[in-house]
C-alpha cells in the first residue's frame, strides 16, 4: 500500500534535541530581516492564486543569478517538489533512473514511487565520495531516463567538478541519448568565506536540468520555494502542467517573500559563508583532537559533512553504545543508513548552531566517543 518507504529522516521535522547536529541548514533567516524595505509592498499583496509557472518577478530574480531567460525558470514548492515532478514527468514504469548514492532519501523514493527501476551509482567514504564515470557508464542503457546527481552532495558536501559534470553529460549523450541529467544544486552557493561559488550546471546543454531552493544557502526553508532551470521548452511546459495538477500554484505570500530574500541575497549569503567558514574551522580542529577515533571527508560547500567512527576502534557493540551515549548527551547526528551509507558514518551538520553552541555540541559528541570506546 505504501508508495513511499519509511525513513527515520522524518524525525528532523519533529522535536529537536538540545544539540542538533543532524540538520544540514545554516541559521534560520528571521522574517523581520526582510520587512524594512518591503513591508508596504507585502501589505498590499492580494492572497489569490499564483501562476503555475511562478511569480514573474521571482523568476526574473532567479534568471539573473543563473544568466538564463526568466522563461527557463519554473518555481516549485521547495526543491524536492521539483525533483518529484521531474521524476513523475520523465519516468514511466520500466524506465530506468540512475542516482548517485548515498543521497537524500526522498529523491530516490520519488523515482521509485513513479515506477522507475532505480540503479545506484555507489559513492563511498573511502574514495571521498568522488564520482567514477566508468562506474556510471556501466549503469547507463537505452532505458535510462534520468541520471540524478547532487553537487554538493547530501550528505557529504562533496562537489562534482564542472569538468566531471561535462564528462557525464557527454557520456549520457553517447550511451543514454534519451536520458536527462538532473543536478541538485541546493548547496552550491554555500561556499566558505571567500571561496568562489562553483558555476551552475545549467549551461551544460538542453538535456540538463538544475534544481535549487532557498532552504539551505539562504536559511528560508519555511518559505517552501524552490525552482528548476529547464532549457527545453517541451519539458518545461510538462513540468508546469504537472505542478498545476499537484499544487496548482505556490503561495503568493511565499513567492513575494522569496523576492525580498533574493533582493538581499548577496548580503544574506555572504554573512552565512563567513559563519560556515568559522564553524568549519571549529569542526576541523575538533576532528583533529579525536583523530584516533574518528575520521572525515572535508566538504567542498554546504553546512554538512560525513564523519566516520574508525572500524578498528568501534565494533558493532561499541557503535550501538555510541548511539545510546549520543541520546543520553541530548545530541543528534544523522545516521549514514538514512542516506544509504554505512552504519559507522554520520552526517554532521555544522551550520545551524552558533560557534559557541557548535563547540558545546561537539564536546558532547566527544564524550560519547570516549564512553563508547571504553
Protein backbone atom coordinates (compact mmCIF):
# COMPACT_ATOMS: atom_id res chain seq x y z
CA UNK A 1 0.00 0.00 0.00
CA UNK A 2 2.80 2.45 0.88
CA UNK A 3 4.15 4.18 -2.21
CA UNK A 4 6.93 5.88 -0.23
CA UNK A 5 9.15 3.80 2.08
CA UNK A 6 9.50 4.98 5.66
CA UNK A 7 12.78 6.61 6.64
CA UNK A 8 13.64 7.93 10.09
CA UNK A 9 14.94 11.12 8.50
CA UNK A 10 11.37 12.36 9.02
CA UNK A 11 12.42 12.91 12.65
CA UNK A 12 14.30 16.03 11.52
CA UNK A 13 10.98 17.89 11.34
CA UNK A 14 9.83 16.73 14.78
CA UNK A 15 11.08 17.99 18.14
CA UNK A 16 14.83 18.52 18.23
CA UNK A 17 17.32 17.64 20.99
CA UNK A 18 19.35 20.32 22.77
CA UNK A 19 22.28 19.83 20.39
CA UNK A 20 21.07 19.13 16.86
CA UNK A 21 23.97 18.26 14.55
CA UNK A 22 21.79 16.25 12.19
CA UNK A 23 20.42 19.27 10.33
CA UNK A 24 22.05 20.38 7.09
CA UNK A 25 20.96 24.02 7.14
CA UNK A 26 22.55 27.20 8.39
CA UNK A 27 20.86 29.61 10.81
CA UNK A 28 17.22 30.25 10.02
CA UNK A 29 16.54 33.62 8.43
CA UNK A 30 14.24 35.85 10.51
CA UNK A 31 11.17 37.31 8.85
CA UNK A 32 11.75 40.74 10.34
CA UNK A 33 15.05 40.95 8.45
CA UNK A 34 13.03 41.34 5.24
CA UNK A 35 10.41 43.83 6.38
CA UNK A 36 12.11 47.22 6.38
CA UNK A 37 12.15 47.67 2.61
CA UNK A 38 9.21 45.50 1.63
CA UNK A 39 6.60 45.98 4.35
CA UNK A 40 4.29 48.22 2.32
CA UNK A 41 4.54 46.07 -0.78
CA UNK A 42 3.78 42.92 1.20
CA UNK A 43 0.88 44.63 2.97
CA UNK A 44 -0.77 45.31 -0.38
CA UNK A 45 -0.33 41.74 -1.59
CA UNK A 46 -3.52 40.06 -2.78
CA UNK A 47 -3.78 36.50 -1.49
CA UNK A 48 -5.28 34.90 -4.59
CA UNK A 49 -3.85 32.09 -6.66
CA UNK A 50 -0.38 32.43 -8.03
CA UNK A 51 0.59 31.32 -11.53
CA UNK A 52 1.52 27.76 -12.44
CA UNK A 53 4.99 28.72 -13.69
CA UNK A 54 5.62 31.03 -10.74
CA UNK A 55 5.70 34.73 -9.98
CA UNK A 56 7.27 36.72 -12.82
CA UNK A 57 9.39 38.93 -10.55
CA UNK A 58 10.74 35.89 -8.71
CA UNK A 59 11.56 34.07 -11.93
CA UNK A 60 13.37 37.17 -13.18
CA UNK A 61 15.44 37.37 -9.98
CA UNK A 62 16.47 33.73 -10.29
CA UNK A 63 17.16 34.02 -14.02
CA UNK A 64 19.57 36.90 -13.39
CA UNK A 65 21.53 34.80 -10.89
CA UNK A 66 21.84 31.92 -13.38
CA UNK A 67 22.28 34.01 -16.53
CA UNK A 68 19.28 32.32 -18.17
CA UNK A 69 15.97 33.57 -19.50
CA UNK A 70 13.15 34.03 -17.00
CA UNK A 71 11.12 31.69 -19.18
CA UNK A 72 13.56 28.88 -18.34
CA UNK A 73 12.63 29.05 -14.63
CA UNK A 74 9.81 27.04 -13.03
CA UNK A 75 9.00 27.83 -9.38
CA UNK A 76 8.12 24.87 -7.17
CA UNK A 77 7.16 24.15 -3.56
CA UNK A 78 10.75 23.63 -2.45
CA UNK A 79 13.47 21.84 -4.38
CA UNK A 80 12.09 18.42 -3.51
CA UNK A 81 8.84 19.26 -5.31
CA UNK A 82 10.84 19.99 -8.46
CA UNK A 83 12.69 16.67 -8.18
CA UNK A 84 9.42 14.80 -7.68
CA UNK A 85 7.74 16.48 -10.65
CA UNK A 86 10.73 15.67 -12.84
CA UNK A 87 10.54 12.00 -11.82
CA UNK A 88 6.79 11.99 -12.44
CA UNK A 89 7.12 13.67 -15.83
CA UNK A 90 10.11 11.78 -17.22
CA UNK A 91 9.73 8.22 -15.91
CA UNK A 92 7.21 5.50 -16.58
CA UNK A 93 7.14 2.00 -15.05
CA UNK A 94 10.02 0.04 -16.55
CA UNK A 95 12.14 3.10 -17.28
CA UNK A 96 15.50 3.27 -15.54
CA UNK A 97 16.90 6.02 -13.36
CA UNK A 98 20.45 6.24 -12.05
CA UNK A 99 21.09 8.01 -8.76
CA UNK A 100 24.40 8.60 -7.00
CA UNK A 101 24.19 7.16 -3.50
CA UNK A 102 24.41 7.96 -0.61
CA UNK A 103 21.77 10.54 -1.35
CA UNK A 104 18.91 12.46 0.21
CA UNK A 105 16.43 9.57 0.54
CA UNK A 106 13.39 11.47 -0.70
CA UNK A 107 14.99 11.84 -4.14
CA UNK A 108 15.42 8.08 -4.51
CA UNK A 109 11.93 7.50 -3.08
CA UNK A 110 10.37 9.78 -5.69
CA UNK A 111 11.95 7.80 -8.52
CA UNK A 112 10.74 4.51 -7.06
CA UNK A 113 7.25 5.89 -6.41
CA UNK A 114 6.68 6.62 -10.11
CA UNK A 115 7.67 3.06 -11.04
CA UNK A 116 11.19 3.64 -12.30
CA UNK A 117 13.81 0.94 -11.88
CA UNK A 118 16.36 2.72 -9.71
CA UNK A 119 20.03 1.86 -10.24
CA UNK A 120 22.53 3.09 -7.66
CA UNK A 121 25.85 4.67 -8.58
CA UNK A 122 27.81 3.86 -5.43
CA UNK A 123 29.87 6.60 -3.82
CA UNK A 124 31.72 5.82 -0.62
CA UNK A 125 33.67 7.30 2.24
CA UNK A 126 36.97 5.61 1.36
CA UNK A 127 37.10 7.29 -2.07
CA UNK A 128 35.99 10.67 -0.72
CA UNK A 129 32.52 10.32 -2.32
CA UNK A 130 34.05 11.07 -5.72
CA UNK A 131 32.10 10.06 -8.80
CA UNK A 132 33.55 7.31 -11.05
CA UNK A 133 32.48 7.88 -14.66
CA UNK A 134 33.37 4.31 -15.64
CA UNK A 135 31.00 3.01 -12.98
CA UNK A 136 28.34 5.39 -14.29
CA UNK A 137 28.81 4.21 -17.86
CA UNK A 138 28.18 0.62 -16.77
CA UNK A 139 24.76 1.68 -15.41
CA UNK A 140 23.58 3.57 -18.49
CA UNK A 141 21.31 1.95 -21.08
CA UNK A 142 18.76 2.93 -23.73
CA UNK A 143 16.15 2.60 -20.95
CA UNK A 144 17.79 5.31 -18.83
CA UNK A 145 15.57 8.36 -18.49
CA UNK A 146 17.17 10.19 -15.54
CA UNK A 147 20.65 10.47 -14.09
CA UNK A 148 20.22 12.21 -10.72
CA UNK A 149 23.23 13.87 -9.11
CA UNK A 150 23.73 16.46 -6.39
CA UNK A 151 26.59 18.92 -6.26
CA UNK A 152 27.50 19.50 -3.49
CA UNK A 153 26.19 16.13 -2.39
CA UNK A 154 23.92 15.43 0.52
CA UNK A 155 25.11 14.04 2.96
CA UNK A 156 28.83 14.61 2.22
CA UNK A 157 29.07 18.21 0.99
CA UNK A 158 31.44 16.97 -1.74
CA UNK A 159 31.04 18.77 -5.06
CA UNK A 160 31.32 17.37 -8.58
CA UNK A 161 33.75 19.43 -10.64
CA UNK A 162 32.48 21.28 -13.74
CA UNK A 163 34.79 19.17 -15.92
CA UNK A 164 33.38 15.97 -14.44
CA UNK A 165 29.80 17.13 -15.00
CA UNK A 166 30.69 17.92 -18.60
CA UNK A 167 32.14 14.42 -18.96
CA UNK A 168 28.95 12.93 -17.51
CA UNK A 169 26.79 14.87 -19.98
CA UNK A 170 28.94 13.68 -22.90
CA UNK A 171 28.78 10.10 -21.63
CA UNK A 172 25.00 10.25 -21.46
CA UNK A 173 24.73 11.60 -24.99
CA UNK A 174 26.69 8.58 -26.21
CA UNK A 175 25.19 5.80 -24.07
CA UNK A 176 21.76 7.05 -22.94
CA UNK A 177 20.61 9.59 -25.52
CA UNK A 178 17.04 9.75 -24.17
CA UNK A 179 18.16 10.47 -20.62
CA UNK A 180 18.10 13.78 -18.74
CA UNK A 181 20.82 14.86 -16.34
CA UNK A 182 19.30 16.37 -13.20
CA UNK A 183 21.71 18.21 -10.91
CA UNK A 184 20.52 19.22 -7.46
CA UNK A 185 22.46 22.42 -6.66
CA UNK A 186 20.76 23.15 -3.34
CA UNK A 187 24.07 23.79 -1.52
CA UNK A 188 26.03 25.36 -4.41
CA UNK A 189 26.07 28.93 -3.05
CA UNK A 190 27.01 27.85 0.48
CA UNK A 191 30.76 28.29 -0.07
CA UNK A 192 33.12 29.01 2.82
CA UNK A 193 34.35 32.53 3.49
CA UNK A 194 35.80 33.98 0.30
CA UNK A 195 35.88 30.67 -1.59
CA UNK A 196 34.44 31.09 -5.10
CA UNK A 197 30.99 29.74 -5.87
CA UNK A 198 31.02 26.84 -8.31
CA UNK A 199 29.34 27.56 -11.67
CA UNK A 200 25.87 26.17 -12.23
CA UNK A 201 25.48 23.10 -14.42
CA UNK A 202 22.52 24.77 -16.15
CA UNK A 203 24.75 25.83 -19.07
CA UNK A 204 25.80 22.26 -19.93
CA UNK A 205 23.08 21.71 -22.51
CA UNK A 206 19.34 21.47 -23.18
CA UNK A 207 19.03 18.00 -21.59
CA UNK A 208 20.44 19.21 -18.27
CA UNK A 209 18.05 20.41 -15.56
CA UNK A 210 19.24 22.06 -12.37
CA UNK A 211 17.26 22.32 -9.15
CA UNK A 212 17.77 24.55 -6.11
CA UNK A 213 15.85 26.36 -3.39
CA UNK A 214 16.00 29.00 -0.68
CA UNK A 215 16.13 26.36 2.06
CA UNK A 216 19.85 25.80 2.63
CA UNK A 217 22.00 28.70 1.40
CA UNK A 218 19.55 31.43 2.44
CA UNK A 219 18.08 29.90 5.61
CA UNK A 220 14.50 30.22 4.37
CA UNK A 221 13.29 26.61 4.36
CA UNK A 222 9.96 27.70 5.79
CA UNK A 223 9.06 29.61 2.64
CA UNK A 224 8.94 26.33 0.66
CA UNK A 225 10.26 27.94 -2.50
CA UNK A 226 12.42 26.04 -4.97
CA UNK A 227 12.97 26.13 -8.70
CA UNK A 228 14.10 24.19 -11.73
CA UNK A 229 16.08 25.67 -14.61
CA UNK A 230 14.73 23.88 -17.70
CA UNK A 231 16.14 24.90 -21.09
CA UNK A 232 13.96 22.51 -23.11
CA UNK A 233 10.58 24.13 -23.86
CA UNK A 234 8.63 20.87 -24.10
CA UNK A 235 9.87 19.54 -20.77
CA UNK A 236 9.36 22.93 -19.16
CA UNK A 237 5.70 23.02 -20.21
CA UNK A 238 5.21 19.45 -18.99
CA UNK A 239 6.69 20.43 -15.64
CA UNK A 240 4.39 23.45 -15.35
CA UNK A 241 1.40 21.23 -16.18
CA UNK A 242 2.49 18.68 -13.58
CA UNK A 243 2.82 21.42 -10.99
CA UNK A 244 -0.67 22.71 -11.79
CA UNK A 245 -2.09 19.21 -11.39
CA UNK A 246 -0.43 18.68 -7.99
CA UNK A 247 -0.44 22.04 -6.14
CA UNK A 248 -1.97 24.46 -8.74
CA UNK A 249 0.49 27.20 -7.72
CA UNK A 250 2.85 28.24 -4.99
CA UNK A 251 1.70 30.58 -2.24
CA UNK A 252 1.82 34.21 -3.46
CA UNK A 253 2.97 35.21 0.02
CA UNK A 254 5.87 32.75 -0.12
CA UNK A 255 6.79 33.99 -3.60
CA UNK A 256 6.70 37.66 -2.53
CA UNK A 257 8.90 36.92 0.48
CA UNK A 258 11.23 34.95 -1.77
CA UNK A 259 11.67 38.04 -3.97
CA UNK A 260 12.55 40.01 -0.83
CA UNK A 261 15.10 37.35 0.15
CA UNK A 262 16.76 37.38 -3.27
CA UNK A 263 16.90 41.18 -3.35
CA UNK A 264 19.14 40.88 -0.29
CA UNK A 265 20.62 37.62 -1.48
CA UNK A 266 24.26 38.67 -1.75
CA UNK A 267 24.25 40.16 1.74
CA UNK A 268 22.47 37.16 3.25
CA UNK A 269 24.68 34.57 1.59
CA UNK A 270 27.93 36.47 2.28
CA UNK A 271 27.21 36.61 6.01
CA UNK A 272 26.33 32.94 6.09
CA UNK A 273 29.52 31.99 4.25
CA UNK A 274 31.57 33.62 6.99
CA UNK A 275 29.55 31.78 9.62
CA UNK A 276 30.06 28.45 7.84
CA UNK A 277 33.81 29.04 7.49
CA UNK A 278 34.12 29.84 11.20
CA UNK A 279 32.17 26.75 12.24
CA UNK A 280 34.02 24.55 9.76
CA UNK A 281 37.30 25.61 11.35
CA UNK A 282 35.96 24.66 14.79
CA UNK A 283 34.82 21.29 13.45
CA UNK A 284 38.16 20.58 11.76
CA UNK A 285 40.06 21.32 14.97
CA UNK A 286 37.72 19.06 16.96
CA UNK A 287 38.20 16.20 14.50
CA UNK A 288 41.94 16.64 14.81
CA UNK A 289 41.69 16.24 18.58
CA UNK A 290 39.75 12.97 18.13
CA UNK A 291 41.74 11.61 15.18
CA UNK A 292 42.39 8.30 16.95
CA UNK A 293 38.68 7.54 17.00
CA UNK A 294 37.04 9.43 14.12
CA UNK A 295 37.75 10.47 10.52
CA UNK A 296 36.01 12.67 7.98
CA UNK A 297 35.72 13.72 4.36
CA UNK A 298 36.14 17.52 4.26
CA UNK A 299 33.22 19.14 2.40
CA UNK A 300 33.54 21.48 -0.58
CA UNK A 301 30.48 23.55 0.35
CA UNK A 302 27.33 23.41 2.43
CA UNK A 303 26.64 23.13 6.15
CA UNK A 304 27.21 19.37 6.25
CA UNK A 305 29.86 16.67 6.05
CA UNK A 306 30.36 12.97 6.68
CA UNK A 307 32.31 11.65 9.67
CA UNK A 308 33.06 8.01 10.38
CA UNK A 309 33.83 6.11 13.55
CA UNK A 310 37.01 4.15 12.87
CA UNK A 311 36.06 0.48 12.43
CA UNK A 312 39.19 -0.71 14.25
CA UNK A 313 38.07 1.22 17.34
CA UNK A 314 34.30 0.71 17.27
CA UNK A 315 32.90 -2.77 16.73
CA UNK A 316 29.15 -3.28 16.38
CA UNK A 317 28.59 -3.25 20.14
CA UNK A 318 30.63 -0.05 20.56
CA UNK A 319 28.71 1.57 17.70
CA UNK A 320 25.43 0.85 19.46
CA UNK A 321 26.92 2.17 22.70
CA UNK A 322 27.86 5.38 20.86
CA UNK A 323 24.31 5.83 19.60
CA UNK A 324 22.97 5.35 23.11
CA UNK A 325 25.53 7.78 24.50
CA UNK A 326 24.53 10.43 21.96
CA UNK A 327 20.93 10.16 23.10
CA UNK A 328 21.96 10.45 26.74
CA UNK A 329 24.04 13.54 25.87
CA UNK A 330 20.98 15.10 24.15
CA UNK A 331 22.81 15.25 20.79
CA UNK A 332 21.60 14.14 17.38
CA UNK A 333 23.68 13.16 14.38
CA UNK A 334 22.16 11.91 11.12
CA UNK A 335 22.93 8.17 10.72
CA UNK A 336 24.52 7.10 7.45
CA UNK A 337 21.84 4.46 6.73
CA UNK A 338 19.29 7.26 6.32
CA UNK A 339 21.12 8.09 3.09
CA UNK A 340 22.16 4.57 2.06
CA UNK A 341 25.61 4.86 3.66
CA UNK A 342 27.45 2.53 6.05
CA UNK A 343 26.42 2.36 9.75
CA UNK A 344 29.59 3.95 11.15
CA UNK A 345 29.14 7.05 9.00
CA UNK A 346 27.13 10.01 10.27
CA UNK A 347 26.13 13.24 8.58
CA UNK A 348 27.23 16.09 10.82
CA UNK A 349 25.59 19.46 10.26
CA UNK A 350 27.67 22.41 11.47
CA UNK A 351 25.70 25.40 10.21
CA UNK A 352 22.59 25.67 12.38
CA UNK A 353 24.35 26.43 15.68
CA UNK A 354 26.31 29.46 16.73
CA UNK A 355 30.04 28.80 17.04
CA UNK A 356 29.76 28.50 20.84
CA UNK A 357 26.79 26.15 20.54
CA UNK A 358 28.65 24.03 17.99
CA UNK A 359 31.68 23.75 20.27
CA UNK A 360 29.44 22.68 23.16
CA UNK A 361 27.68 20.09 21.00
CA UNK A 362 30.95 18.69 19.72
CA UNK A 363 32.19 18.37 23.30
CA UNK A 364 29.15 16.18 23.97
CA UNK A 365 29.90 14.06 20.90
CA UNK A 366 33.48 13.73 22.15
CA UNK A 367 32.17 12.42 25.47
CA UNK A 368 30.02 9.88 23.63
CA UNK A 369 33.05 8.75 21.62
CA UNK A 370 35.07 8.22 24.79
CA UNK A 371 32.30 6.34 26.61
CA UNK A 372 31.67 4.06 23.62
CA UNK A 373 35.36 3.25 23.19
CA UNK A 374 35.94 2.47 26.86
